[in-house]
Amino acid sequence: MKLQETLLNTAETKNGHEKEEIESIGDEHVSTSKETPLRSDAFDLTDEEKIQKIEHHFTEIMKTMGMDLNDDSLKGTPHRVAKMYIKEIFEGLNPENKPLIKLFENKYKYGEMLVEKNITVNSHCEHHFVPITGKAHVAYISSGHVIGLSKINRIVRYYSKRPQVQERLTEQIAEALKNILKTDDVAVVIDAHHMCVSMRGIEDKNCSTVTSHFSGDFKKNDTLRNEFLRYTS
C-alpha cells in the first residue's frame, strides 16, 4: 500500500512540475527554433480531411464547455472554426501557399535602402492560439535585383499566417528576403500587441512587443540603421 501511495505521489509531483513548465514556457515567450515546428507527416492529409478532423474535435471541445450545439447560432461554429484554421488564419503552414516572387533587374541602379513600413501583421501566438496584431517595417538594399513592393507585404503575410512566436516571425521574414534578393542588407522591425498578454495572465492592454533583425550593412553601419529607424518611428 505504501509503495502504491509513493508511486502515486511521485506521479502527481511529476505532473505538477510538467504543468508548471508548460505554463512557464507560454508566459516566458519561449521559441525552440527559427523553423516552425512541424511533424514529418504534416501534409499527409488534404485540407478537407484536416477540416473534418478539426470540426469533430472542436465539436467535442464546445460540448465539454457545456455549449448547446443545437442552437442556431452555434451549430455551425465547429465547421467555421475548422475552415478558418486551415483556409485562413493558419494557411501559412502550407508551403503551397508561399507567394511566388519574381525578381526584376535594378535598372534604375537605385543604391539606397528601400523601406516598406506599416505592413499589417495578423498572426497567432503558438502558446495560447490567440491573436498577435501589429505592424512590420522592412528594408533592403538591392544587390542588383528588386521585387514588387506588394511582394514584401505578401511575404510578411505568409509567415504571419501560422502559429508564431514574434522573434521567429521576424527571423523568418528576414531570411526569406535575404534568400530571394540575394543580399544580406536587410532590416526587419515588428511592433505588435499580444492578446496572450492583454486578455489573460497580466491582462496589460497597453504594452507592445518590439523585435528586430539587422544584417549586412544595416548591422555594421550605425548611420544606416538609425536612418531606417527614423523612417519607421
C-alpha atoms as a PDB file:
ATOM      1  CA  MET A   1       0.000   0.000   0.000  1.00  0.00           C
ATOM      2  CA  LYS A   2       2.834   2.387   0.893  1.00  0.00           C
ATOM      3  CA  LEU A   3       4.559   1.610  -2.412  1.00  0.00           C
ATOM      4  CA  GLN A   4       1.385   2.468  -4.346  1.00  0.00           C
ATOM      5  CA  GLU A   5       0.999   5.713  -2.399  1.00  0.00           C
ATOM      6  CA  THR A   6       4.637   6.601  -3.114  1.00  0.00           C
ATOM      7  CA  LEU A   7       4.224   5.943  -6.822  1.00  0.00           C
ATOM      8  CA  LEU A   8       1.017   7.978  -6.879  1.00  0.00           C
ATOM      9  CA  ASN A   9       2.628  10.908  -5.066  1.00  0.00           C
ATOM     10  CA  THR A  10       5.639  10.735  -7.395  1.00  0.00           C
ATOM     11  CA  ALA A  11       3.357  10.790 -10.455  1.00  0.00           C
ATOM     12  CA  GLU A  12       1.370  13.713  -9.065  1.00  0.00           C
ATOM     13  CA  THR A  13       4.578  15.632  -8.339  1.00  0.00           C
ATOM     14  CA  LYS A  14       5.892  14.924 -11.842  1.00  0.00           C
ATOM     15  CA  ASN A  15       2.621  16.025 -13.425  1.00  0.00           C
ATOM     16  CA  GLY A  16       2.634  19.144 -11.284  1.00  0.00           C
ATOM     17  CA  HIS A  17       6.156  20.040 -12.412  1.00  0.00           C
ATOM     18  CA  GLU A  18       5.235  19.384 -16.049  1.00  0.00           C
ATOM     19  CA  LYS A  19       2.213  21.686 -15.771  1.00  0.00           C
ATOM     20  CA  GLU A  20       4.362  24.396 -14.190  1.00  0.00           C
ATOM     21  CA  GLU A  21       6.878  24.035 -17.021  1.00  0.00           C
ATOM     22  CA  ILE A  22       4.120  24.221 -19.647  1.00  0.00           C
ATOM     23  CA  GLU A  23       2.769  27.395 -18.050  1.00  0.00           C
ATOM     24  CA  SER A  24       6.210  28.992 -17.756  1.00  0.00           C
ATOM     25  CA  ILE A  25       7.075  28.302 -21.400  1.00  0.00           C
ATOM     26  CA  GLY A  26       3.957  30.152 -22.505  1.00  0.00           C
ATOM     27  CA  ASP A  27       4.484  33.091 -20.194  1.00  0.00           C
ATOM     28  CA  GLU A  28       8.217  33.356 -20.884  1.00  0.00           C
ATOM     29  CA  HIS A  29       7.631  33.501 -24.661  1.00  0.00           C
ATOM     30  CA  VAL A  30       9.980  30.608 -25.419  1.00  0.00           C
ATOM     31  CA  SER A  31      10.817  29.729 -29.017  1.00  0.00           C
ATOM     32  CA  THR A  32      12.612  26.488 -29.871  1.00  0.00           C
ATOM     33  CA  SER A  33      13.945  27.227 -33.370  1.00  0.00           C
ATOM     34  CA  LYS A  34      13.815  29.532 -36.395  1.00  0.00           C
ATOM     35  CA  GLU A  35      11.777  26.904 -38.221  1.00  0.00           C
ATOM     36  CA  THR A  36       8.101  26.459 -37.441  1.00  0.00           C
ATOM     37  CA  PRO A  37       7.793  23.122 -35.571  1.00  0.00           C
ATOM     38  CA  LEU A  38       6.066  20.716 -37.980  1.00  0.00           C
ATOM     39  CA  ARG A  39       5.824  16.936 -37.991  1.00  0.00           C
ATOM     40  CA  SER A  40       7.108  14.970 -40.975  1.00  0.00           C
ATOM     41  CA  ASP A  41       3.540  13.918 -41.823  1.00  0.00           C
ATOM     42  CA  ALA A  42       2.153  17.470 -41.612  1.00  0.00           C
ATOM     43  CA  PHE A  43       0.774  17.381 -45.152  1.00  0.00           C
ATOM     44  CA  ASP A  44      -0.312  13.769 -45.484  1.00  0.00           C
ATOM     45  CA  LEU A  45      -3.941  14.837 -45.050  1.00  0.00           C
ATOM     46  CA  THR A  46      -5.738  17.048 -47.543  1.00  0.00           C
ATOM     47  CA  ASP A  47      -7.143  20.380 -46.399  1.00  0.00           C
ATOM     48  CA  GLU A  48     -10.653  18.928 -46.466  1.00  0.00           C
ATOM     49  CA  GLU A  49      -9.602  15.970 -44.316  1.00  0.00           C
ATOM     50  CA  LYS A  50      -7.993  18.331 -41.818  1.00  0.00           C
ATOM     51  CA  ILE A  51     -11.132  20.466 -41.707  1.00  0.00           C
ATOM     52  CA  GLN A  52     -13.258  17.393 -40.985  1.00  0.00           C
ATOM     53  CA  LYS A  53     -10.989  16.264 -38.139  1.00  0.00           C
ATOM     54  CA  ILE A  54     -10.762  19.720 -36.573  1.00  0.00           C
ATOM     55  CA  GLU A  55     -14.542  20.143 -36.854  1.00  0.00           C
ATOM     56  CA  HIS A  56     -15.033  16.864 -34.979  1.00  0.00           C
ATOM     57  CA  HIS A  57     -12.600  17.775 -32.210  1.00  0.00           C
ATOM     58  CA  PHE A  58     -13.867  21.329 -31.841  1.00  0.00           C
ATOM     59  CA  THR A  59     -17.383  19.963 -31.519  1.00  0.00           C
ATOM     60  CA  GLU A  60     -16.157  17.916 -28.554  1.00  0.00           C
ATOM     61  CA  ILE A  61     -14.442  20.971 -27.060  1.00  0.00           C
ATOM     62  CA  MET A  62     -17.635  23.007 -27.239  1.00  0.00           C
ATOM     63  CA  LYS A  63     -19.692  20.155 -25.779  1.00  0.00           C
ATOM     64  CA  THR A  64     -17.197  19.793 -22.942  1.00  0.00           C
ATOM     65  CA  MET A  65     -17.568  23.511 -22.234  1.00  0.00           C
ATOM     66  CA  GLY A  66     -21.316  22.989 -21.980  1.00  0.00           C
ATOM     67  CA  MET A  67     -22.311  24.800 -25.181  1.00  0.00           C
ATOM     68  CA  ASP A  68     -25.613  23.833 -26.811  1.00  0.00           C
ATOM     69  CA  LEU A  69     -24.755  22.964 -30.414  1.00  0.00           C
ATOM     70  CA  ASN A  70     -28.442  22.658 -31.272  1.00  0.00           C
ATOM     71  CA  ASP A  71     -28.680  26.439 -31.023  1.00  0.00           C
ATOM     72  CA  ASP A  72     -28.884  28.051 -34.467  1.00  0.00           C
ATOM     73  CA  SER A  73     -26.035  30.440 -33.632  1.00  0.00           C
ATOM     74  CA  LEU A  74     -23.657  27.676 -32.503  1.00  0.00           C
ATOM     75  CA  LYS A  75     -24.353  24.615 -34.618  1.00  0.00           C
ATOM     76  CA  GLY A  76     -22.140  25.773 -37.484  1.00  0.00           C
ATOM     77  CA  THR A  77     -19.301  27.020 -35.283  1.00  0.00           C
ATOM     78  CA  PRO A  78     -17.110  23.868 -35.331  1.00  0.00           C
ATOM     79  CA  HIS A  79     -17.076  23.847 -39.141  1.00  0.00           C
ATOM     80  CA  ARG A  80     -16.463  27.591 -39.337  1.00  0.00           C
ATOM     81  CA  VAL A  81     -13.551  27.348 -36.910  1.00  0.00           C
ATOM     82  CA  ALA A  82     -12.025  24.373 -38.742  1.00  0.00           C
ATOM     83  CA  LYS A  83     -12.291  26.069 -42.118  1.00  0.00           C
ATOM     84  CA  MET A  84     -10.866  29.300 -40.686  1.00  0.00           C
ATOM     85  CA  TYR A  85      -7.864  27.461 -39.227  1.00  0.00           C
ATOM     86  CA  ILE A  86      -6.926  25.663 -42.446  1.00  0.00           C
ATOM     87  CA  LYS A  87      -8.002  28.097 -45.158  1.00  0.00           C
ATOM     88  CA  GLU A  88      -7.418  31.448 -43.484  1.00  0.00           C
ATOM     89  CA  ILE A  89      -5.540  32.236 -40.293  1.00  0.00           C
ATOM     90  CA  PHE A  90      -3.080  29.293 -40.479  1.00  0.00           C
ATOM     91  CA  GLU A  91      -2.777  28.946 -44.253  1.00  0.00           C
ATOM     92  CA  GLY A  92       0.894  29.941 -43.990  1.00  0.00           C
ATOM     93  CA  LEU A  93       1.705  26.486 -42.609  1.00  0.00           C
ATOM     94  CA  ASN A  94       1.241  25.022 -46.080  1.00  0.00           C
ATOM     95  CA  PRO A  95       4.236  25.703 -48.367  1.00  0.00           C
ATOM     96  CA  GLU A  96       1.890  25.530 -51.358  1.00  0.00           C
ATOM     97  CA  ASN A  97       0.579  28.916 -50.219  1.00  0.00           C
ATOM     98  CA  LYS A  98       4.009  30.551 -50.264  1.00  0.00           C
ATOM     99  CA  PRO A  99       3.869  33.577 -52.586  1.00  0.00           C
ATOM    100  CA  LEU A 100       5.662  33.352 -55.898  1.00  0.00           C
ATOM    101  CA  ILE A 101       8.234  36.142 -56.066  1.00  0.00           C
ATOM    102  CA  LYS A 102       9.615  37.385 -59.383  1.00  0.00           C
ATOM    103  CA  LEU A 103      12.922  39.231 -59.414  1.00  0.00           C
ATOM    104  CA  PHE A 104      13.491  42.262 -61.620  1.00  0.00           C
ATOM    105  CA  GLU A 105      16.774  43.803 -62.638  1.00  0.00           C
ATOM    106  CA  ASN A 106      17.537  47.006 -60.772  1.00  0.00           C
ATOM    107  CA  LYS A 107      17.651  49.050 -63.983  1.00  0.00           C
ATOM    108  CA  TYR A 108      17.484  52.352 -62.139  1.00  0.00           C
ATOM    109  CA  LYS A 109      20.673  51.390 -60.271  1.00  0.00           C
ATOM    110  CA  TYR A 110      18.954  52.506 -57.100  1.00  0.00           C
ATOM    111  CA  GLY A 111      21.546  52.008 -54.370  1.00  0.00           C
ATOM    112  CA  GLU A 112      19.806  53.402 -51.283  1.00  0.00           C
ATOM    113  CA  MET A 113      17.579  51.485 -48.895  1.00  0.00           C
ATOM    114  CA  LEU A 114      14.035  50.691 -49.933  1.00  0.00           C
ATOM    115  CA  VAL A 115      11.641  50.789 -46.983  1.00  0.00           C
ATOM    116  CA  GLU A 116       8.152  49.302 -46.796  1.00  0.00           C
ATOM    117  CA  LYS A 117       6.672  50.333 -43.465  1.00  0.00           C
ATOM    118  CA  ASN A 118       3.450  49.795 -41.517  1.00  0.00           C
ATOM    119  CA  ILE A 119       2.800  46.378 -43.061  1.00  0.00           C
ATOM    120  CA  THR A 120      -0.122  44.758 -41.275  1.00  0.00           C
ATOM    121  CA  VAL A 121       0.757  41.765 -39.103  1.00  0.00           C
ATOM    122  CA  ASN A 122      -2.068  39.433 -38.118  1.00  0.00           C
ATOM    123  CA  SER A 123      -0.697  36.308 -36.509  1.00  0.00           C
ATOM    124  CA  HIS A 124      -1.426  33.964 -33.598  1.00  0.00           C
ATOM    125  CA  CYS A 125       0.591  33.112 -30.506  1.00  0.00           C
ATOM    126  CA  GLU A 126       1.579  29.446 -30.679  1.00  0.00           C
ATOM    127  CA  HIS A 127       1.399  29.149 -26.880  1.00  0.00           C
ATOM    128  CA  HIS A 128      -2.251  30.120 -26.483  1.00  0.00           C
ATOM    129  CA  PHE A 129      -3.625  30.410 -30.051  1.00  0.00           C
ATOM    130  CA  VAL A 130      -4.801  33.983 -29.550  1.00  0.00           C
ATOM    131  CA  PRO A 131      -4.063  36.902 -31.923  1.00  0.00           C
ATOM    132  CA  ILE A 132      -0.868  38.889 -32.355  1.00  0.00           C
ATOM    133  CA  THR A 133      -1.574  42.147 -34.172  1.00  0.00           C
ATOM    134  CA  GLY A 134       0.786  44.896 -35.199  1.00  0.00           C
ATOM    135  CA  LYS A 135       2.984  46.388 -37.886  1.00  0.00           C
ATOM    136  CA  ALA A 136       6.150  45.268 -39.655  1.00  0.00           C
ATOM    137  CA  HIS A 137       8.729  47.620 -41.135  1.00  0.00           C
ATOM    138  CA  VAL A 138      11.042  46.115 -43.746  1.00  0.00           C
ATOM    139  CA  ALA A 139      14.023  47.487 -45.673  1.00  0.00           C
ATOM    140  CA  TYR A 140      16.621  46.170 -48.078  1.00  0.00           C
ATOM    141  CA  ILE A 141      19.406  47.450 -50.288  1.00  0.00           C
ATOM    142  CA  SER A 142      19.464  45.939 -53.758  1.00  0.00           C
ATOM    143  CA  SER A 143      22.417  43.811 -54.813  1.00  0.00           C
ATOM    144  CA  GLY A 144      21.283  44.028 -58.440  1.00  0.00           C
ATOM    145  CA  HIS A 145      17.661  42.917 -58.270  1.00  0.00           C
ATOM    146  CA  VAL A 146      14.387  44.196 -56.823  1.00  0.00           C
ATOM    147  CA  ILE A 147      10.927  42.751 -56.193  1.00  0.00           C
ATOM    148  CA  GLY A 148       7.471  44.253 -56.496  1.00  0.00           C
ATOM    149  CA  LEU A 149       6.517  46.248 -53.420  1.00  0.00           C
ATOM    150  CA  SER A 150       3.408  44.172 -52.709  1.00  0.00           C
ATOM    151  CA  LYS A 151       5.576  41.045 -52.583  1.00  0.00           C
ATOM    152  CA  ILE A 152       7.126  42.285 -49.358  1.00  0.00           C
ATOM    153  CA  ASN A 153       3.650  42.502 -47.845  1.00  0.00           C
ATOM    154  CA  ARG A 154       2.867  39.013 -49.130  1.00  0.00           C
ATOM    155  CA  ILE A 155       5.996  37.585 -47.503  1.00  0.00           C
ATOM    156  CA  VAL A 156       5.051  39.157 -44.161  1.00  0.00           C
ATOM    157  CA  ARG A 157       1.505  37.849 -44.525  1.00  0.00           C
ATOM    158  CA  TYR A 158       2.620  34.314 -45.415  1.00  0.00           C
ATOM    159  CA  TYR A 159       4.831  33.865 -42.368  1.00  0.00           C
ATOM    160  CA  SER A 160       2.284  35.584 -40.128  1.00  0.00           C
ATOM    161  CA  LYS A 161      -0.412  33.095 -41.124  1.00  0.00           C
ATOM    162  CA  ARG A 162       0.769  30.356 -38.786  1.00  0.00           C
ATOM    163  CA  PRO A 163       1.069  29.831 -35.031  1.00  0.00           C
ATOM    164  CA  GLN A 164       4.047  32.012 -34.202  1.00  0.00           C
ATOM    165  CA  VAL A 165       6.478  33.495 -31.765  1.00  0.00           C
ATOM    166  CA  GLN A 166       7.289  37.076 -32.722  1.00  0.00           C
ATOM    167  CA  GLU A 167      11.042  36.510 -32.602  1.00  0.00           C
ATOM    168  CA  ARG A 168      10.724  33.628 -35.065  1.00  0.00           C
ATOM    169  CA  LEU A 169       8.376  35.582 -37.309  1.00  0.00           C
ATOM    170  CA  THR A 170      10.924  38.400 -37.521  1.00  0.00           C
ATOM    171  CA  GLU A 171      13.724  35.995 -38.429  1.00  0.00           C
ATOM    172  CA  GLN A 172      11.644  34.102 -40.999  1.00  0.00           C
ATOM    173  CA  ILE A 173      10.707  37.296 -42.839  1.00  0.00           C
ATOM    174  CA  ALA A 174      14.323  38.479 -42.854  1.00  0.00           C
ATOM    175  CA  GLU A 175      15.740  35.138 -44.024  1.00  0.00           C
ATOM    176  CA  ALA A 176      13.140  34.868 -46.792  1.00  0.00           C
ATOM    177  CA  LEU A 177      14.028  38.316 -48.114  1.00  0.00           C
ATOM    178  CA  LYS A 178      17.758  37.615 -47.982  1.00  0.00           C
ATOM    179  CA  ASN A 179      17.329  34.364 -49.893  1.00  0.00           C
ATOM    180  CA  ILE A 180      15.041  35.888 -52.526  1.00  0.00           C
ATOM    181  CA  LEU A 181      17.006  39.107 -53.073  1.00  0.00           C
ATOM    182  CA  LYS A 182      20.472  37.540 -52.721  1.00  0.00           C
ATOM    183  CA  THR A 183      21.571  40.239 -50.312  1.00  0.00           C
ATOM    184  CA  ASP A 184      22.445  40.397 -46.616  1.00  0.00           C
ATOM    185  CA  ASP A 185      21.444  44.061 -46.434  1.00  0.00           C
ATOM    186  CA  VAL A 186      18.042  43.535 -44.822  1.00  0.00           C
ATOM    187  CA  ALA A 187      16.279  45.098 -41.836  1.00  0.00           C
ATOM    188  CA  VAL A 188      13.035  43.991 -40.193  1.00  0.00           C
ATOM    189  CA  VAL A 189      11.275  45.509 -37.174  1.00  0.00           C
ATOM    190  CA  ILE A 190       7.940  44.268 -35.821  1.00  0.00           C
ATOM    191  CA  ASP A 191       5.900  46.128 -33.205  1.00  0.00           C
ATOM    192  CA  ALA A 192       2.929  44.050 -32.078  1.00  0.00           C
ATOM    193  CA  HIS A 193       0.304  43.537 -29.391  1.00  0.00           C
ATOM    194  CA  HIS A 194      -0.110  40.051 -27.933  1.00  0.00           C
ATOM    195  CA  MET A 195      -3.540  39.088 -26.712  1.00  0.00           C
ATOM    196  CA  CYS A 196      -1.964  36.365 -24.572  1.00  0.00           C
ATOM    197  CA  VAL A 197      -0.715  39.349 -22.548  1.00  0.00           C
ATOM    198  CA  SER A 198      -3.724  41.650 -22.844  1.00  0.00           C
ATOM    199  CA  MET A 199      -6.563  39.085 -22.496  1.00  0.00           C
ATOM    200  CA  ARG A 200      -5.100  36.671 -19.942  1.00  0.00           C
ATOM    201  CA  GLY A 201      -2.352  36.480 -17.351  1.00  0.00           C
ATOM    202  CA  ILE A 202      -1.286  40.016 -16.502  1.00  0.00           C
ATOM    203  CA  GLU A 203      -4.056  41.486 -18.728  1.00  0.00           C
ATOM    204  CA  ASP A 204      -1.971  44.512 -19.709  1.00  0.00           C
ATOM    205  CA  LYS A 205      -3.695  46.141 -22.684  1.00  0.00           C
ATOM    206  CA  ASN A 206      -1.208  48.983 -23.178  1.00  0.00           C
ATOM    207  CA  CYS A 207       2.103  47.262 -23.853  1.00  0.00           C
ATOM    208  CA  SER A 208       3.550  46.083 -27.154  1.00  0.00           C
ATOM    209  CA  THR A 209       6.478  43.873 -28.131  1.00  0.00           C
ATOM    210  CA  VAL A 210       9.229  45.035 -30.493  1.00  0.00           C
ATOM    211  CA  THR A 211      11.591  42.629 -32.265  1.00  0.00           C
ATOM    212  CA  SER A 212      14.226  43.374 -34.877  1.00  0.00           C
ATOM    213  CA  HIS A 213      16.638  41.813 -37.332  1.00  0.00           C
ATOM    214  CA  PHE A 214      19.548  43.764 -38.822  1.00  0.00           C
ATOM    215  CA  SER A 215      22.048  42.148 -41.151  1.00  0.00           C
ATOM    216  CA  GLY A 216      24.665  43.196 -43.670  1.00  0.00           C
ATOM    217  CA  ASP A 217      25.185  46.971 -43.801  1.00  0.00           C
ATOM    218  CA  PHE A 218      22.194  47.526 -41.505  1.00  0.00           C
ATOM    219  CA  LYS A 219      24.080  45.682 -38.765  1.00  0.00           C
ATOM    220  CA  LYS A 220      27.549  47.106 -39.472  1.00  0.00           C
ATOM    221  CA  ASN A 221      26.604  50.723 -40.242  1.00  0.00           C
ATOM    222  CA  ASP A 222      25.084  52.621 -37.312  1.00  0.00           C
ATOM    223  CA  THR A 223      24.195  55.598 -39.513  1.00  0.00           C
ATOM    224  CA  LEU A 224      22.277  53.436 -41.969  1.00  0.00           C
ATOM    225  CA  ARG A 225      20.450  51.554 -39.212  1.00  0.00           C
ATOM    226  CA  ASN A 226      19.494  54.778 -37.445  1.00  0.00           C
ATOM    227  CA  GLU A 227      18.220  56.230 -40.730  1.00  0.00           C
ATOM    228  CA  PHE A 228      15.924  53.209 -41.143  1.00  0.00           C
ATOM    229  CA  LEU A 229      14.695  53.564 -37.569  1.00  0.00           C
ATOM    230  CA  ARG A 230      13.932  57.265 -38.133  1.00  0.00           C
ATOM    231  CA  TYR A 231      11.837  56.389 -41.163  1.00  0.00           C
ATOM    232  CA  THR A 232       9.821  53.852 -39.221  1.00  0.00           C
ATOM    233  CA  SER A 233       9.401  55.613 -35.883  1.00  0.00           C
END
